[in-house]
Amino acid sequence: MGEGNRLRETSGLLDRPPEPRPLFYILSFFLPSGGLVLAALFMSKAEEDNRRFGRRCLVAVLILIGLAVLFWVCYIIFLAVRVFKELPSLYS
C-alpha cells in the first residue's frame, strides 16, 4: 500500500497538460509518434482539460496523416498523367 501512495505522489509531472500548449500541438503535427504518445497519456486522464489536450494532439496527428495521404494521391495522379501522355510517343 505504501508503494502505491509513493507512485501517486511522484506522478505530478503529467497531472496537467504541458505549457505552452500550442508548441506541443505543433510538435504533435511534425512528430506524429510523439503526438500519439501525448494523446494516449492525456486522453486516459479523468480531468476534462487533460482529455481536451489529448484530443487536440490526436487531431494534429490525424491532420498530418490526412495531408500526407492527399499529397501522395496527387503525386500518383500526376505521375499517371505524365506516363499516359508519353505512351503514344513510345509506340510511334
N, C-alpha and C. Protein backbone atom coordinates (compact mmCIF):
# COMPACT_ATOMS: atom_id res chain seq x y z
N MET A 1 0.82 -1.18 0.00
CA MET A 1 0.00 0.00 0.00
C MET A 1 0.87 1.25 0.00
N GLY A 2 2.03 1.21 0.66
CA GLY A 2 2.90 2.37 0.69
C GLY A 2 3.49 2.71 -0.67
N GLU A 3 3.76 1.67 -1.46
CA GLU A 3 4.34 1.91 -2.78
C GLU A 3 3.33 2.58 -3.71
N GLY A 4 2.05 2.23 -3.61
CA GLY A 4 1.03 2.88 -4.43
C GLY A 4 0.92 4.36 -4.11
N ASN A 5 1.04 4.72 -2.85
CA ASN A 5 1.00 6.13 -2.48
C ASN A 5 2.21 6.87 -3.02
N ARG A 6 3.36 6.21 -2.98
CA ARG A 6 4.57 6.84 -3.49
C ARG A 6 4.47 7.08 -5.00
N LEU A 7 3.88 6.13 -5.72
CA LEU A 7 3.70 6.32 -7.16
C LEU A 7 2.74 7.47 -7.44
N ARG A 8 1.70 7.59 -6.66
CA ARG A 8 0.75 8.68 -6.84
C ARG A 8 1.40 10.03 -6.57
N GLU A 9 2.30 10.08 -5.61
CA GLU A 9 2.96 11.34 -5.26
C GLU A 9 3.94 11.79 -6.35
N THR A 10 4.62 10.85 -7.00
CA THR A 10 5.63 11.21 -8.00
C THR A 10 5.04 11.40 -9.39
N SER A 11 3.75 11.15 -9.56
CA SER A 11 3.17 11.28 -10.90
C SER A 11 2.72 12.71 -11.18
N GLY A 12 3.19 13.68 -10.45
CA GLY A 12 2.78 15.06 -10.62
C GLY A 12 3.27 15.70 -11.90
N LEU A 13 4.23 15.08 -12.58
CA LEU A 13 4.79 15.67 -13.80
C LEU A 13 3.75 15.81 -14.90
N LEU A 14 2.91 14.82 -15.07
CA LEU A 14 1.93 14.84 -16.16
C LEU A 14 0.50 14.97 -15.64
N ASP A 15 0.32 15.63 -14.50
CA ASP A 15 -1.03 15.85 -13.99
C ASP A 15 -1.78 16.88 -14.81
N ARG A 16 -1.07 17.84 -15.38
CA ARG A 16 -1.66 18.89 -16.20
C ARG A 16 -0.99 18.88 -17.56
N PRO A 17 -1.69 19.38 -18.59
CA PRO A 17 -1.04 19.48 -19.90
C PRO A 17 0.16 20.43 -19.83
N PRO A 18 1.22 20.12 -20.58
CA PRO A 18 2.42 20.97 -20.55
C PRO A 18 2.15 22.33 -21.18
N GLU A 19 2.91 23.30 -20.75
CA GLU A 19 2.81 24.66 -21.29
C GLU A 19 4.09 24.96 -22.06
N PRO A 20 4.09 25.71 -23.09
CA PRO A 20 2.98 26.31 -23.83
C PRO A 20 2.30 25.26 -24.71
N ARG A 21 1.02 25.17 -24.61
CA ARG A 21 0.26 24.14 -25.33
C ARG A 21 0.38 24.24 -26.84
N PRO A 22 0.32 25.43 -27.45
CA PRO A 22 0.45 25.48 -28.92
C PRO A 22 1.75 24.86 -29.42
N LEU A 23 2.81 24.98 -28.66
CA LEU A 23 4.07 24.36 -29.05
C LEU A 23 3.92 22.84 -29.14
N PHE A 24 3.21 22.25 -28.20
CA PHE A 24 3.02 20.81 -28.21
C PHE A 24 2.05 20.38 -29.31
N TYR A 25 1.11 21.23 -29.68
CA TYR A 25 0.25 20.92 -30.83
C TYR A 25 1.08 20.90 -32.11
N ILE A 26 1.98 21.87 -32.25
CA ILE A 26 2.84 21.93 -33.43
C ILE A 26 3.79 20.73 -33.45
N LEU A 27 4.35 20.38 -32.30
CA LEU A 27 5.21 19.20 -32.22
C LEU A 27 4.43 17.94 -32.57
N SER A 28 3.18 17.86 -32.14
CA SER A 28 2.35 16.70 -32.48
C SER A 28 2.14 16.60 -33.98
N PHE A 29 2.05 17.75 -34.63
CA PHE A 29 1.87 17.76 -36.08
C PHE A 29 3.12 17.27 -36.79
N PHE A 30 4.30 17.75 -36.37
CA PHE A 30 5.54 17.40 -37.07
C PHE A 30 6.17 16.10 -36.58
N LEU A 31 5.83 15.67 -35.38
CA LEU A 31 6.32 14.40 -34.85
C LEU A 31 5.12 13.56 -34.43
N PRO A 32 4.52 12.86 -35.37
CA PRO A 32 3.27 12.17 -35.07
C PRO A 32 3.40 11.10 -33.99
N SER A 33 4.55 10.45 -33.88
CA SER A 33 4.69 9.44 -32.83
C SER A 33 4.63 10.09 -31.46
N GLY A 34 5.26 11.24 -31.31
CA GLY A 34 5.18 11.96 -30.05
C GLY A 34 3.77 12.46 -29.77
N GLY A 35 3.07 12.89 -30.80
CA GLY A 35 1.70 13.33 -30.65
C GLY A 35 0.78 12.21 -30.22
N LEU A 36 1.02 11.01 -30.76
CA LEU A 36 0.21 9.86 -30.35
C LEU A 36 0.46 9.49 -28.90
N VAL A 37 1.72 9.58 -28.47
CA VAL A 37 2.04 9.29 -27.07
C VAL A 37 1.37 10.31 -26.16
N LEU A 38 1.48 11.59 -26.50
CA LEU A 38 0.82 12.63 -25.70
C LEU A 38 -0.70 12.42 -25.67
N ALA A 39 -1.27 12.09 -26.81
CA ALA A 39 -2.72 11.88 -26.87
C ALA A 39 -3.13 10.71 -25.99
N ALA A 40 -2.38 9.62 -26.05
CA ALA A 40 -2.73 8.46 -25.24
C ALA A 40 -2.60 8.76 -23.75
N LEU A 41 -1.54 9.48 -23.39
CA LEU A 41 -1.33 9.80 -21.98
C LEU A 41 -2.43 10.69 -21.44
N PHE A 42 -2.77 11.72 -22.16
CA PHE A 42 -3.70 12.71 -21.62
C PHE A 42 -5.16 12.36 -21.85
N MET A 43 -5.47 11.56 -22.85
CA MET A 43 -6.86 11.16 -23.04
C MET A 43 -7.30 10.13 -22.01
N SER A 44 -6.34 9.48 -21.37
CA SER A 44 -6.69 8.49 -20.34
C SER A 44 -6.90 9.13 -18.97
N LYS A 45 -6.64 10.41 -18.85
CA LYS A 45 -6.83 11.11 -17.57
C LYS A 45 -8.32 11.44 -17.38
N ALA A 46 -8.70 11.66 -16.14
CA ALA A 46 -10.12 11.91 -15.82
C ALA A 46 -10.52 13.36 -16.05
N GLU A 47 -9.60 14.30 -15.89
CA GLU A 47 -9.94 15.71 -15.99
C GLU A 47 -10.22 16.10 -17.45
N GLU A 48 -11.24 16.92 -17.64
CA GLU A 48 -11.64 17.33 -18.99
C GLU A 48 -10.55 18.15 -19.69
N ASP A 49 -9.80 18.96 -18.95
CA ASP A 49 -8.73 19.76 -19.54
C ASP A 49 -7.65 18.86 -20.14
N ASN A 50 -7.31 17.80 -19.44
CA ASN A 50 -6.31 16.85 -19.95
C ASN A 50 -6.84 16.12 -21.18
N ARG A 51 -8.09 15.71 -21.13
CA ARG A 51 -8.68 14.98 -22.26
C ARG A 51 -8.76 15.88 -23.50
N ARG A 52 -9.07 17.15 -23.31
CA ARG A 52 -9.13 18.10 -24.43
C ARG A 52 -7.75 18.26 -25.06
N PHE A 53 -6.72 18.37 -24.22
CA PHE A 53 -5.36 18.49 -24.73
C PHE A 53 -4.98 17.24 -25.54
N GLY A 54 -5.32 16.07 -25.02
CA GLY A 54 -5.03 14.82 -25.73
C GLY A 54 -5.75 14.73 -27.05
N ARG A 55 -7.03 15.15 -27.07
CA ARG A 55 -7.78 15.13 -28.33
C ARG A 55 -7.18 16.07 -29.36
N ARG A 56 -6.74 17.23 -28.90
CA ARG A 56 -6.14 18.19 -29.85
C ARG A 56 -4.82 17.67 -30.41
N CYS A 57 -4.04 17.00 -29.59
CA CYS A 57 -2.80 16.38 -30.10
C CYS A 57 -3.15 15.30 -31.12
N LEU A 58 -4.17 14.51 -30.84
CA LEU A 58 -4.59 13.47 -31.78
C LEU A 58 -5.10 14.08 -33.08
N VAL A 59 -5.83 15.17 -33.01
CA VAL A 59 -6.31 15.85 -34.22
C VAL A 59 -5.14 16.35 -35.05
N ALA A 60 -4.10 16.88 -34.40
CA ALA A 60 -2.92 17.35 -35.14
C ALA A 60 -2.26 16.19 -35.88
N VAL A 61 -2.18 15.03 -35.24
CA VAL A 61 -1.59 13.85 -35.89
C VAL A 61 -2.46 13.41 -37.07
N LEU A 62 -3.77 13.39 -36.88
CA LEU A 62 -4.67 12.96 -37.95
C LEU A 62 -4.65 13.93 -39.13
N ILE A 63 -4.50 15.22 -38.87
CA ILE A 63 -4.38 16.19 -39.95
C ILE A 63 -3.12 15.93 -40.76
N LEU A 64 -2.02 15.66 -40.08
CA LEU A 64 -0.77 15.35 -40.79
C LEU A 64 -0.93 14.10 -41.65
N ILE A 65 -1.53 13.07 -41.10
CA ILE A 65 -1.72 11.83 -41.87
C ILE A 65 -2.62 12.08 -43.07
N GLY A 66 -3.69 12.85 -42.87
CA GLY A 66 -4.59 13.17 -43.97
C GLY A 66 -3.90 13.95 -45.07
N LEU A 67 -3.09 14.93 -44.69
CA LEU A 67 -2.35 15.70 -45.69
C LEU A 67 -1.33 14.84 -46.42
N ALA A 68 -0.68 13.94 -45.71
CA ALA A 68 0.30 13.06 -46.35
C ALA A 68 -0.39 12.16 -47.38
N VAL A 69 -1.52 11.61 -47.02
CA VAL A 69 -2.26 10.76 -47.96
C VAL A 69 -2.71 11.58 -49.17
N LEU A 70 -3.20 12.78 -48.92
CA LEU A 70 -3.65 13.65 -50.02
C LEU A 70 -2.51 13.98 -50.97
N PHE A 71 -1.34 14.30 -50.44
CA PHE A 71 -0.19 14.62 -51.29
C PHE A 71 0.27 13.39 -52.08
N TRP A 72 0.25 12.21 -51.46
CA TRP A 72 0.65 11.00 -52.19
C TRP A 72 -0.32 10.70 -53.32
N VAL A 73 -1.60 10.87 -53.07
CA VAL A 73 -2.59 10.62 -54.13
C VAL A 73 -2.39 11.61 -55.27
N CYS A 74 -2.17 12.87 -54.96
CA CYS A 74 -1.91 13.87 -56.01
C CYS A 74 -0.64 13.54 -56.79
N TYR A 75 0.38 13.10 -56.10
CA TYR A 75 1.64 12.73 -56.76
C TYR A 75 1.44 11.54 -57.70
N ILE A 76 0.70 10.54 -57.24
CA ILE A 76 0.46 9.36 -58.08
C ILE A 76 -0.37 9.75 -59.30
N ILE A 77 -1.37 10.60 -59.12
CA ILE A 77 -2.18 11.06 -60.26
C ILE A 77 -1.31 11.85 -61.24
N PHE A 78 -0.45 12.71 -60.72
CA PHE A 78 0.45 13.49 -61.58
C PHE A 78 1.36 12.57 -62.39
N LEU A 79 1.93 11.56 -61.75
CA LEU A 79 2.79 10.62 -62.48
C LEU A 79 2.01 9.82 -63.51
N ALA A 80 0.80 9.41 -63.16
CA ALA A 80 -0.01 8.64 -64.10
C ALA A 80 -0.35 9.47 -65.34
N VAL A 81 -0.67 10.73 -65.15
CA VAL A 81 -0.98 11.60 -66.29
C VAL A 81 0.25 11.76 -67.18
N ARG A 82 1.41 11.94 -66.57
CA ARG A 82 2.64 12.08 -67.38
C ARG A 82 2.93 10.81 -68.15
N VAL A 83 2.76 9.67 -67.53
CA VAL A 83 3.04 8.39 -68.20
C VAL A 83 2.06 8.19 -69.35
N PHE A 84 0.78 8.43 -69.12
CA PHE A 84 -0.20 8.22 -70.18
C PHE A 84 -0.04 9.22 -71.32
N LYS A 85 0.50 10.39 -71.07
CA LYS A 85 0.78 11.35 -72.16
C LYS A 85 1.95 10.87 -72.99
N GLU A 86 2.90 10.18 -72.39
CA GLU A 86 4.10 9.74 -73.10
C GLU A 86 3.88 8.42 -73.84
N LEU A 87 2.86 7.65 -73.49
CA LEU A 87 2.65 6.35 -74.13
C LEU A 87 2.49 6.42 -75.64
N PRO A 88 1.71 7.33 -76.21
CA PRO A 88 1.59 7.36 -77.67
C PRO A 88 2.91 7.60 -78.37
N SER A 89 3.79 8.41 -77.79
CA SER A 89 5.06 8.68 -78.45
C SER A 89 6.01 7.49 -78.38
N LEU A 90 5.80 6.60 -77.45
CA LEU A 90 6.65 5.42 -77.36
C LEU A 90 6.35 4.42 -78.48
N TYR A 91 5.11 4.40 -78.96
CA TYR A 91 4.72 3.42 -79.97
C TYR A 91 4.66 4.00 -81.38
N SER A 92 5.10 5.22 -81.57
CA SER A 92 5.02 5.77 -82.92
C SER A 92 6.35 5.72 -83.62
